[in-house]
N, C-alpha and C. Protein backbone atom coordinates (compact mmCIF):
# COMPACT_ATOMS: atom_id res chain seq x y z
N MET A 1 91.56 69.17 -3.16
CA MET A 1 92.41 69.86 -4.11
C MET A 1 92.50 71.34 -3.74
N ALA A 2 93.55 71.95 -4.19
CA ALA A 2 93.77 73.36 -3.89
C ALA A 2 92.81 74.24 -4.67
N ALA A 3 92.51 75.39 -4.08
CA ALA A 3 91.66 76.37 -4.75
C ALA A 3 92.37 76.87 -6.01
N LEU A 4 91.59 77.19 -7.02
CA LEU A 4 92.13 77.63 -8.30
C LEU A 4 92.44 79.13 -8.34
N ALA A 5 92.11 79.84 -7.27
CA ALA A 5 92.42 81.26 -7.15
C ALA A 5 92.87 81.52 -5.71
N THR A 6 93.58 82.60 -5.52
CA THR A 6 94.14 82.91 -4.19
C THR A 6 93.27 83.88 -3.42
N LEU A 7 93.48 83.87 -2.10
CA LEU A 7 92.79 84.84 -1.26
C LEU A 7 93.17 86.26 -1.65
N ASP A 8 94.43 86.48 -1.99
CA ASP A 8 94.88 87.82 -2.38
C ASP A 8 94.12 88.30 -3.62
N ALA A 9 93.91 87.41 -4.58
CA ALA A 9 93.16 87.79 -5.79
C ALA A 9 91.71 88.11 -5.44
N LEU A 10 91.13 87.37 -4.51
CA LEU A 10 89.75 87.63 -4.10
C LEU A 10 89.66 88.97 -3.36
N VAL A 11 90.63 89.24 -2.48
CA VAL A 11 90.65 90.51 -1.76
C VAL A 11 90.77 91.67 -2.74
N ALA A 12 91.61 91.51 -3.76
CA ALA A 12 91.75 92.56 -4.77
C ALA A 12 90.43 92.79 -5.50
N ARG A 13 89.71 91.73 -5.78
CA ARG A 13 88.42 91.86 -6.46
C ARG A 13 87.40 92.52 -5.55
N LEU A 14 87.43 92.20 -4.27
CA LEU A 14 86.50 92.81 -3.32
C LEU A 14 86.79 94.31 -3.14
N GLY A 15 88.05 94.69 -3.27
CA GLY A 15 88.41 96.08 -3.11
C GLY A 15 88.51 96.52 -1.66
N ARG A 16 88.62 95.57 -0.77
CA ARG A 16 88.73 95.88 0.66
C ARG A 16 89.37 94.67 1.35
N PRO A 17 90.01 94.90 2.48
CA PRO A 17 90.57 93.75 3.21
C PRO A 17 89.45 92.94 3.87
N LEU A 18 89.75 91.69 4.16
CA LEU A 18 88.79 90.86 4.87
C LEU A 18 88.76 91.32 6.33
N ASP A 19 87.57 91.30 6.93
CA ASP A 19 87.38 91.91 8.25
C ASP A 19 88.07 91.16 9.39
N ASP A 20 87.97 89.84 9.38
CA ASP A 20 88.48 89.08 10.52
C ASP A 20 88.75 87.64 10.10
N GLU A 21 89.10 86.80 11.07
CA GLU A 21 89.39 85.40 10.78
C GLU A 21 88.17 84.66 10.23
N ALA A 22 86.99 85.00 10.74
CA ALA A 22 85.77 84.34 10.26
C ALA A 22 85.52 84.66 8.79
N GLU A 23 85.70 85.91 8.39
CA GLU A 23 85.49 86.26 6.99
C GLU A 23 86.59 85.68 6.11
N THR A 24 87.81 85.58 6.65
CA THR A 24 88.91 84.96 5.90
C THR A 24 88.60 83.48 5.68
N ALA A 25 88.09 82.80 6.71
CA ALA A 25 87.72 81.38 6.57
C ALA A 25 86.58 81.23 5.56
N LEU A 26 85.60 82.14 5.62
CA LEU A 26 84.49 82.11 4.65
C LEU A 26 85.02 82.30 3.23
N ALA A 27 85.93 83.24 3.05
CA ALA A 27 86.48 83.51 1.72
C ALA A 27 87.25 82.30 1.20
N GLN A 28 88.04 81.66 2.05
CA GLN A 28 88.78 80.48 1.60
C GLN A 28 87.83 79.34 1.25
N ALA A 29 86.80 79.15 2.08
CA ALA A 29 85.81 78.10 1.78
C ALA A 29 85.08 78.40 0.48
N ALA A 30 84.79 79.68 0.23
CA ALA A 30 84.11 80.06 -1.01
C ALA A 30 85.01 79.77 -2.22
N LEU A 31 86.30 80.04 -2.09
CA LEU A 31 87.24 79.73 -3.18
C LEU A 31 87.32 78.22 -3.41
N ASP A 32 87.36 77.45 -2.32
CA ASP A 32 87.42 75.99 -2.45
C ASP A 32 86.15 75.45 -3.11
N ASP A 33 84.99 75.95 -2.67
CA ASP A 33 83.72 75.49 -3.23
C ASP A 33 83.59 75.85 -4.72
N ALA A 34 83.95 77.08 -5.05
CA ALA A 34 83.86 77.51 -6.45
C ALA A 34 84.83 76.71 -7.32
N SER A 35 85.99 76.40 -6.78
CA SER A 35 86.97 75.59 -7.52
C SER A 35 86.42 74.19 -7.77
N ASP A 36 85.78 73.62 -6.75
CA ASP A 36 85.17 72.30 -6.93
C ASP A 36 84.08 72.34 -7.99
N LEU A 37 83.28 73.40 -7.99
CA LEU A 37 82.21 73.52 -8.99
C LEU A 37 82.77 73.59 -10.41
N VAL A 38 83.80 74.42 -10.62
CA VAL A 38 84.32 74.52 -11.99
C VAL A 38 85.01 73.23 -12.41
N ARG A 39 85.59 72.51 -11.47
CA ARG A 39 86.15 71.19 -11.82
C ARG A 39 85.03 70.22 -12.19
N HIS A 40 83.90 70.35 -11.51
CA HIS A 40 82.76 69.48 -11.83
C HIS A 40 82.29 69.71 -13.26
N TYR A 41 82.20 70.96 -13.68
CA TYR A 41 81.73 71.28 -15.02
C TYR A 41 82.84 71.25 -16.07
N GLY A 42 84.08 71.25 -15.62
CA GLY A 42 85.20 71.32 -16.55
C GLY A 42 86.13 70.13 -16.43
N LEU A 43 87.39 70.44 -16.13
CA LEU A 43 88.44 69.44 -16.03
C LEU A 43 89.07 69.49 -14.65
N PRO A 44 89.85 68.50 -14.28
CA PRO A 44 90.50 68.53 -12.96
C PRO A 44 91.71 69.47 -12.93
N TRP A 45 91.46 70.76 -13.16
CA TRP A 45 92.53 71.74 -13.20
C TRP A 45 93.21 71.87 -11.85
N THR A 46 94.45 72.30 -11.89
CA THR A 46 95.22 72.66 -10.70
C THR A 46 95.50 74.15 -10.78
N PRO A 47 95.98 74.76 -9.70
CA PRO A 47 96.32 76.19 -9.79
C PRO A 47 97.36 76.48 -10.87
N GLU A 48 98.20 75.50 -11.17
CA GLU A 48 99.26 75.70 -12.16
C GLU A 48 98.74 75.66 -13.60
N ASN A 49 97.72 74.86 -13.88
CA ASN A 49 97.26 74.73 -15.28
C ASN A 49 95.86 75.28 -15.51
N CYS A 50 95.33 76.00 -14.54
CA CYS A 50 93.98 76.58 -14.68
C CYS A 50 93.99 77.73 -15.67
N PRO A 51 93.11 77.69 -16.68
CA PRO A 51 93.02 78.82 -17.61
C PRO A 51 92.58 80.09 -16.88
N PRO A 52 93.11 81.24 -17.26
CA PRO A 52 92.74 82.49 -16.59
C PRO A 52 91.23 82.75 -16.59
N ILE A 53 90.53 82.39 -17.66
CA ILE A 53 89.09 82.63 -17.70
C ILE A 53 88.36 81.78 -16.66
N VAL A 54 88.86 80.59 -16.39
CA VAL A 54 88.26 79.73 -15.37
C VAL A 54 88.56 80.29 -13.98
N ARG A 55 89.77 80.80 -13.79
CA ARG A 55 90.12 81.43 -12.52
C ARG A 55 89.19 82.62 -12.25
N ARG A 56 88.88 83.35 -13.31
CA ARG A 56 87.96 84.48 -13.17
C ARG A 56 86.57 84.02 -12.72
N VAL A 57 86.10 82.91 -13.26
CA VAL A 57 84.80 82.36 -12.85
C VAL A 57 84.84 81.98 -11.37
N VAL A 58 85.92 81.36 -10.94
CA VAL A 58 86.07 80.99 -9.52
C VAL A 58 85.99 82.24 -8.65
N LEU A 59 86.71 83.28 -9.04
CA LEU A 59 86.71 84.52 -8.25
C LEU A 59 85.33 85.17 -8.21
N ARG A 60 84.62 85.18 -9.34
CA ARG A 60 83.29 85.79 -9.36
C ARG A 60 82.32 85.03 -8.44
N ALA A 61 82.37 83.71 -8.49
CA ALA A 61 81.47 82.91 -7.65
C ALA A 61 81.82 83.09 -6.17
N ALA A 62 83.11 83.08 -5.85
CA ALA A 62 83.53 83.27 -4.46
C ALA A 62 83.19 84.67 -3.97
N GLU A 63 83.34 85.65 -4.83
CA GLU A 63 83.02 87.03 -4.45
C GLU A 63 81.54 87.16 -4.07
N ARG A 64 80.67 86.50 -4.82
CA ARG A 64 79.24 86.56 -4.48
C ARG A 64 78.99 86.01 -3.08
N THR A 65 79.69 84.94 -2.71
CA THR A 65 79.52 84.35 -1.39
C THR A 65 80.01 85.31 -0.30
N VAL A 66 81.17 85.91 -0.51
CA VAL A 66 81.73 86.80 0.51
C VAL A 66 80.89 88.07 0.65
N ARG A 67 80.42 88.60 -0.47
CA ARG A 67 79.61 89.82 -0.41
C ARG A 67 78.21 89.57 0.17
N ASN A 68 77.71 88.36 -0.01
CA ASN A 68 76.34 88.06 0.40
C ASN A 68 76.29 86.69 1.08
N PRO A 69 76.94 86.55 2.24
CA PRO A 69 77.02 85.23 2.88
C PRO A 69 75.68 84.69 3.37
N GLU A 70 74.72 85.57 3.57
CA GLU A 70 73.41 85.14 4.06
C GLU A 70 72.45 84.83 2.91
N ASN A 71 72.91 84.98 1.67
CA ASN A 71 72.08 84.72 0.49
C ASN A 71 70.83 85.59 0.44
N ALA A 72 70.97 86.84 0.86
CA ALA A 72 69.83 87.76 0.86
C ALA A 72 69.50 88.15 -0.57
N ARG A 73 68.22 88.24 -0.85
CA ARG A 73 67.75 88.69 -2.17
C ARG A 73 67.41 90.17 -2.16
N SER A 74 67.04 90.70 -1.00
CA SER A 74 66.72 92.12 -0.93
C SER A 74 67.06 92.63 0.46
N GLU A 75 67.19 93.96 0.54
CA GLU A 75 67.55 94.59 1.80
C GLU A 75 66.92 95.97 1.84
N MET A 76 66.39 96.36 3.01
CA MET A 76 65.77 97.67 3.17
C MET A 76 66.20 98.28 4.49
N GLU A 77 66.48 99.56 4.44
CA GLU A 77 66.70 100.32 5.68
C GLU A 77 66.29 101.75 5.40
N GLY A 78 65.24 102.17 6.05
CA GLY A 78 64.70 103.52 5.81
C GLY A 78 64.28 103.66 4.35
N ALA A 79 64.78 104.68 3.70
CA ALA A 79 64.44 104.92 2.30
C ALA A 79 65.32 104.10 1.35
N TYR A 80 66.33 103.48 1.89
CA TYR A 80 67.26 102.69 1.07
C TYR A 80 66.69 101.29 0.84
N GLN A 81 66.73 100.86 -0.41
CA GLN A 81 66.27 99.51 -0.73
C GLN A 81 67.08 98.98 -1.90
N ILE A 82 67.46 97.73 -1.83
CA ILE A 82 68.16 97.07 -2.93
C ILE A 82 67.59 95.66 -3.07
N ALA A 83 67.44 95.23 -4.31
CA ALA A 83 66.95 93.88 -4.58
C ALA A 83 67.80 93.26 -5.68
N LEU A 84 68.22 92.04 -5.45
CA LEU A 84 68.99 91.32 -6.46
C LEU A 84 68.02 90.59 -7.39
N PRO A 85 68.35 90.49 -8.66
CA PRO A 85 67.46 89.77 -9.57
C PRO A 85 67.37 88.29 -9.18
N ALA A 86 66.20 87.74 -9.35
CA ALA A 86 65.99 86.33 -9.01
C ALA A 86 66.85 85.41 -9.87
N SER A 87 67.26 85.89 -11.04
CA SER A 87 68.07 85.05 -11.93
C SER A 87 69.52 84.95 -11.48
N LEU A 88 69.94 85.85 -10.59
CA LEU A 88 71.33 85.83 -10.11
C LEU A 88 71.48 84.71 -9.10
N PRO A 89 72.45 83.82 -9.30
CA PRO A 89 72.61 82.74 -8.33
C PRO A 89 73.09 83.30 -6.99
N ILE A 90 72.70 82.63 -5.95
CA ILE A 90 73.14 83.05 -4.63
C ILE A 90 74.38 82.25 -4.25
N SER A 91 75.15 82.81 -3.36
CA SER A 91 76.38 82.21 -2.88
C SER A 91 77.30 81.85 -4.03
N GLY A 92 77.91 80.68 -3.95
CA GLY A 92 78.94 80.32 -4.91
C GLY A 92 78.46 79.56 -6.11
N GLU A 93 77.17 79.48 -6.35
CA GLU A 93 76.68 78.78 -7.53
C GLU A 93 77.13 79.49 -8.79
N LEU A 94 77.24 78.75 -9.88
CA LEU A 94 77.63 79.35 -11.15
C LEU A 94 76.40 79.77 -11.94
N THR A 95 76.53 80.88 -12.64
CA THR A 95 75.47 81.27 -13.57
C THR A 95 75.54 80.35 -14.78
N ASP A 96 74.49 80.35 -15.58
CA ASP A 96 74.52 79.56 -16.82
C ASP A 96 75.67 80.01 -17.71
N GLU A 97 75.89 81.32 -17.76
CA GLU A 97 76.98 81.87 -18.58
C GLU A 97 78.34 81.39 -18.07
N GLU A 98 78.53 81.42 -16.76
CA GLU A 98 79.80 80.96 -16.18
C GLU A 98 80.01 79.47 -16.44
N GLN A 99 78.96 78.69 -16.30
CA GLN A 99 79.06 77.26 -16.58
C GLN A 99 79.46 77.03 -18.03
N ALA A 100 78.88 77.79 -18.95
CA ALA A 100 79.22 77.65 -20.37
C ALA A 100 80.67 78.04 -20.62
N VAL A 101 81.16 79.06 -19.93
CA VAL A 101 82.56 79.47 -20.07
C VAL A 101 83.49 78.35 -19.62
N VAL A 102 83.16 77.74 -18.49
CA VAL A 102 83.98 76.64 -17.97
C VAL A 102 83.97 75.46 -18.94
N GLU A 103 82.80 75.11 -19.43
CA GLU A 103 82.70 73.98 -20.36
C GLU A 103 83.47 74.26 -21.64
N LYS A 104 83.42 75.49 -22.12
CA LYS A 104 84.17 75.84 -23.33
C LYS A 104 85.67 75.79 -23.08
N ALA A 105 86.09 76.28 -21.92
CA ALA A 105 87.52 76.24 -21.57
C ALA A 105 88.01 74.80 -21.46
N ALA A 106 87.11 73.90 -21.08
CA ALA A 106 87.46 72.48 -20.98
C ALA A 106 87.45 71.78 -22.33
N GLY A 107 86.95 72.47 -23.35
CA GLY A 107 86.89 71.87 -24.68
C GLY A 107 85.63 71.09 -24.94
N PHE A 108 84.64 71.27 -24.05
CA PHE A 108 83.36 70.60 -24.26
C PHE A 108 82.51 71.48 -25.16
N ASP A 109 82.03 70.93 -26.24
CA ASP A 109 81.20 71.68 -27.17
C ASP A 109 79.79 71.13 -27.15
N ASP A 110 78.94 71.79 -27.90
CA ASP A 110 77.59 71.26 -28.08
C ASP A 110 77.57 70.14 -29.10
N LEU A 111 78.71 69.93 -29.77
CA LEU A 111 78.80 68.89 -30.78
C LEU A 111 78.95 67.54 -30.10
N VAL A 112 78.07 66.63 -30.41
CA VAL A 112 78.14 65.29 -29.84
C VAL A 112 78.02 64.27 -30.96
N SER A 113 78.43 63.07 -30.68
CA SER A 113 78.32 61.99 -31.64
C SER A 113 77.16 61.10 -31.22
N VAL A 114 76.28 60.82 -32.13
CA VAL A 114 75.13 59.99 -31.84
C VAL A 114 75.11 58.84 -32.83
N ARG A 115 75.10 57.62 -32.34
CA ARG A 115 75.04 56.46 -33.21
C ARG A 115 73.59 56.23 -33.62
N ILE A 116 73.37 56.08 -34.88
CA ILE A 116 72.04 55.77 -35.38
C ILE A 116 72.11 54.52 -36.25
N THR A 117 71.03 53.81 -36.31
CA THR A 117 70.96 52.61 -37.13
C THR A 117 69.72 52.69 -37.99
N ARG A 118 69.91 52.51 -39.25
CA ARG A 118 68.79 52.49 -40.18
C ARG A 118 68.41 51.05 -40.46
N THR A 119 67.15 50.76 -40.41
CA THR A 119 66.72 49.37 -40.62
C THR A 119 65.88 49.19 -41.88
N ASP A 120 65.76 50.21 -42.68
CA ASP A 120 64.95 50.06 -43.88
C ASP A 120 65.74 49.35 -44.98
N ALA A 121 65.13 49.16 -46.11
CA ALA A 121 65.71 48.38 -47.20
C ALA A 121 67.00 48.99 -47.73
N LEU A 122 67.18 50.30 -47.62
CA LEU A 122 68.39 50.92 -48.14
C LEU A 122 69.64 50.47 -47.40
N CYS A 123 69.46 49.98 -46.21
CA CYS A 123 70.62 49.55 -45.44
C CYS A 123 70.83 48.04 -45.48
N ARG A 124 70.01 47.34 -46.21
CA ARG A 124 70.19 45.89 -46.32
C ARG A 124 70.43 45.55 -47.80
N PRO A 125 71.62 45.87 -48.28
CA PRO A 125 71.87 45.61 -49.70
C PRO A 125 72.00 44.11 -49.98
N THR A 126 71.68 43.78 -51.17
CA THR A 126 71.85 42.41 -51.65
C THR A 126 72.93 42.45 -52.71
N THR A 127 73.88 41.53 -52.62
CA THR A 127 74.96 41.52 -53.58
C THR A 127 74.59 40.61 -54.74
N VAL A 128 74.70 41.17 -55.91
CA VAL A 128 74.51 40.39 -57.13
C VAL A 128 75.79 40.53 -57.93
N TYR A 129 76.01 39.65 -58.86
CA TYR A 129 77.22 39.70 -59.69
C TYR A 129 76.82 40.00 -61.12
N VAL A 130 77.55 40.93 -61.69
CA VAL A 130 77.28 41.35 -63.05
C VAL A 130 78.45 40.87 -63.91
N ASP A 131 78.08 40.25 -65.04
CA ASP A 131 79.13 39.79 -65.95
C ASP A 131 79.73 40.98 -66.68
N PRO A 132 81.02 41.04 -66.77
CA PRO A 132 81.64 42.15 -67.49
C PRO A 132 81.47 41.99 -68.98
N GLU A 133 81.61 43.06 -69.70
CA GLU A 133 81.63 42.96 -71.16
C GLU A 133 83.02 42.48 -71.54
N GLY A 134 83.09 41.42 -72.18
CA GLY A 134 84.39 40.85 -72.55
C GLY A 134 84.84 39.86 -71.49
N PRO A 135 86.11 39.48 -71.54
CA PRO A 135 86.59 38.46 -70.61
C PRO A 135 86.71 39.03 -69.20
N GLY A 136 86.66 38.15 -68.22
CA GLY A 136 86.85 38.55 -66.82
C GLY A 136 85.86 37.87 -65.90
N GLU A 137 86.15 38.02 -64.64
CA GLU A 137 85.29 37.45 -63.60
C GLU A 137 84.07 38.33 -63.39
N PRO A 138 82.96 37.77 -62.88
CA PRO A 138 81.80 38.60 -62.54
C PRO A 138 82.18 39.66 -61.50
N ILE A 139 81.55 40.82 -61.60
CA ILE A 139 81.83 41.95 -60.71
C ILE A 139 80.72 42.03 -59.67
N PRO A 140 81.10 42.09 -58.36
CA PRO A 140 80.06 42.22 -57.34
C PRO A 140 79.37 43.59 -57.46
N PHE A 141 78.07 43.60 -57.34
CA PHE A 141 77.28 44.82 -57.43
C PHE A 141 76.25 44.77 -56.30
N SER A 142 76.21 45.82 -55.48
CA SER A 142 75.26 45.88 -54.38
C SER A 142 74.22 46.94 -54.66
N ALA A 143 73.00 46.64 -54.31
CA ALA A 143 71.91 47.60 -54.46
C ALA A 143 70.79 47.20 -53.51
N PRO A 144 69.96 48.14 -53.11
CA PRO A 144 68.82 47.80 -52.27
C PRO A 144 67.89 46.82 -52.97
N ASP A 145 67.22 46.01 -52.16
CA ASP A 145 66.30 45.00 -52.68
C ASP A 145 65.28 45.58 -53.64
N ASP A 146 64.70 46.74 -53.27
CA ASP A 146 63.63 47.26 -54.10
C ASP A 146 64.15 47.76 -55.46
N VAL A 147 65.42 48.20 -55.54
CA VAL A 147 65.98 48.61 -56.81
C VAL A 147 66.19 47.39 -57.70
N LEU A 148 66.69 46.31 -57.08
CA LEU A 148 66.93 45.08 -57.85
C LEU A 148 65.62 44.48 -58.33
N ALA A 149 64.56 44.68 -57.55
CA ALA A 149 63.27 44.10 -57.92
C ALA A 149 62.51 44.99 -58.90
N GLY A 150 63.12 46.10 -59.28
CA GLY A 150 62.47 46.98 -60.24
C GLY A 150 61.61 48.03 -59.60
N GLY A 151 61.70 48.20 -58.26
CA GLY A 151 60.91 49.24 -57.57
C GLY A 151 61.56 50.60 -57.73
N ALA A 152 61.00 51.58 -57.04
CA ALA A 152 61.50 52.96 -57.12
C ALA A 152 62.78 53.14 -56.36
């Protein structure tokens, strides 16, 4: 499937042109991979129906890959040192926040339906018939066994 964001949008986010054919190929692969990830967590979006917030997630994940293709966590040169937090995903992986954004855009909520079955006496009513006051047919009346037996 086609990437959900364009190379031009990624270049704009990077703030610089891509250096060469190898970096262009890396950037396109990063967009393709990030698009596959958001489809995995979301819906089978196309470039035409992709929500803008999902496109933003694709671009952020692809940008991380292009900026840090070697998945380095830290770098030092002379007095200069930089370290990325261990919680930041490397390459094109999604953060927990990004995954939640994609799931929300797809309409997936934390609300789920769970079937439960109760097997106690309250769920096994016994039908008895009560005679009406005056003329008429007996009226069906359901109640738990223990209520009919005079229990609590």
